[in-house]
């Protein structure tokens, strides 16, 4: 990472976390759908689940993760490399 600019460092971390978020969604969304569908079948009075809420939740969680990672990465990237490596 020595010699990289702050946007390049941010891009490296964002790329890694986007892959992790994508993998989590590929595993979590089918499990969520299966569990919620089975759970809702047990009720006498059926309700329609607003499926757009899943998309809203995915967007909110993704933005929260990227914002958190971005802030922490930016703080570390602004420091001198010797200071950062001293605590590694």
Protein backbone atom coordinates (compact mmCIF):
# COMPACT_ATOMS: atom_id res chain seq x y z
CA UNK A 1 0.00 0.00 0.00
CA UNK A 2 3.04 2.23 0.20
CA UNK A 3 2.83 4.86 -2.51
CA UNK A 4 -0.91 4.43 -3.04
CA UNK A 5 -3.20 7.43 -2.86
CA UNK A 6 -6.09 7.60 -0.41
CA UNK A 7 -8.72 6.91 -3.12
CA UNK A 8 -6.75 3.84 -4.24
CA UNK A 9 -6.59 2.52 -0.67
CA UNK A 10 -10.32 3.13 -0.23
CA UNK A 11 -11.03 1.30 -3.50
CA UNK A 12 -9.07 -1.74 -2.31
CA UNK A 13 -11.04 -1.97 0.93
CA UNK A 14 -14.38 -1.23 -0.72
CA UNK A 15 -13.80 -3.97 -3.30
CA UNK A 16 -13.13 -6.51 -0.55
CA UNK A 17 -16.19 -5.55 1.45
CA UNK A 18 -18.49 -5.46 -1.58
CA UNK A 19 -17.49 -9.07 -2.30
CA UNK A 20 -18.22 -10.02 1.32
CA UNK A 21 -21.58 -8.24 1.27
CA UNK A 22 -22.47 -9.94 -2.01
CA UNK A 23 -21.61 -13.37 -0.61
CA UNK A 24 -23.64 -12.67 2.53
CA UNK A 25 -26.63 -11.63 0.42
CA UNK A 26 -26.38 -14.73 -1.78
CA UNK A 27 -26.51 -16.91 1.33
CA UNK A 28 -28.80 -14.82 3.52
CA UNK A 29 -31.60 -13.77 1.17
CA UNK A 30 -32.73 -17.29 0.18
CA UNK A 31 -32.60 -18.40 3.82
CA UNK A 32 -34.57 -15.31 4.82
CA UNK A 33 -37.18 -15.90 2.09
CA UNK A 34 -37.58 -19.56 3.01
CA UNK A 35 -37.86 -18.82 6.73
CA UNK A 36 -40.26 -15.91 6.35
CA UNK A 37 -42.51 -17.76 3.90
CA UNK A 38 -42.76 -20.75 6.22
CA UNK A 39 -43.40 -18.58 9.24
CA UNK A 40 -46.15 -16.55 7.53
CA UNK A 41 -47.91 -19.77 6.43
CA UNK A 42 -48.66 -20.59 10.09
CA UNK A 43 -51.03 -17.65 10.54
CA UNK A 44 -54.78 -17.90 9.97
CA UNK A 45 -55.01 -14.40 8.54
CA UNK A 46 -52.60 -13.95 5.66
CA UNK A 47 -50.88 -10.65 5.04
CA UNK A 48 -48.91 -9.58 2.04
CA UNK A 49 -45.33 -8.87 2.92
CA UNK A 50 -44.02 -5.68 1.27
CA UNK A 51 -41.02 -7.22 -0.53
CA UNK A 52 -39.53 -3.84 -1.37
CA UNK A 53 -38.52 -3.64 2.30
CA UNK A 54 -35.89 -6.31 1.64
CA UNK A 55 -34.32 -4.07 -0.98
CA UNK A 56 -34.44 -1.09 1.35
CA UNK A 57 -32.78 -3.12 4.11
CA UNK A 58 -30.06 -4.33 1.74
CA UNK A 59 -29.32 -0.78 0.59
CA UNK A 60 -29.27 0.61 4.14
CA UNK A 61 -26.96 -2.13 5.45
CA UNK A 62 -24.64 -1.81 2.44
CA UNK A 63 -24.40 1.97 2.82
CA UNK A 64 -23.80 1.64 6.57
CA UNK A 65 -20.98 -0.88 6.02
CA UNK A 66 -19.35 1.17 3.27
CA UNK A 67 -19.60 4.37 5.30
CA UNK A 68 -18.09 2.73 8.38
CA UNK A 69 -15.27 1.10 6.42
CA UNK A 70 -14.64 4.30 4.49
CA UNK A 71 -14.35 6.47 7.59
CA UNK A 72 -11.98 4.08 9.36
CA UNK A 73 -9.87 3.51 6.26
CA UNK A 74 -9.65 7.23 5.57
CA UNK A 75 -8.47 7.91 9.13
CA UNK A 76 -5.71 5.32 8.85
CA UNK A 77 -4.75 6.33 5.30
CA UNK A 78 -4.16 9.93 6.38
CA UNK A 79 -1.58 8.88 8.95
CA UNK A 80 2.08 8.35 8.22
CA UNK A 81 2.84 4.73 7.25
CA UNK A 82 5.44 4.42 10.03
CA UNK A 83 2.84 5.35 12.65
CA UNK A 84 0.37 2.81 11.31
CA UNK A 85 2.94 0.00 11.02
CA UNK A 86 4.22 0.60 14.53
CA UNK A 87 0.95 -0.74 15.95
CA UNK A 88 0.67 -3.71 13.59
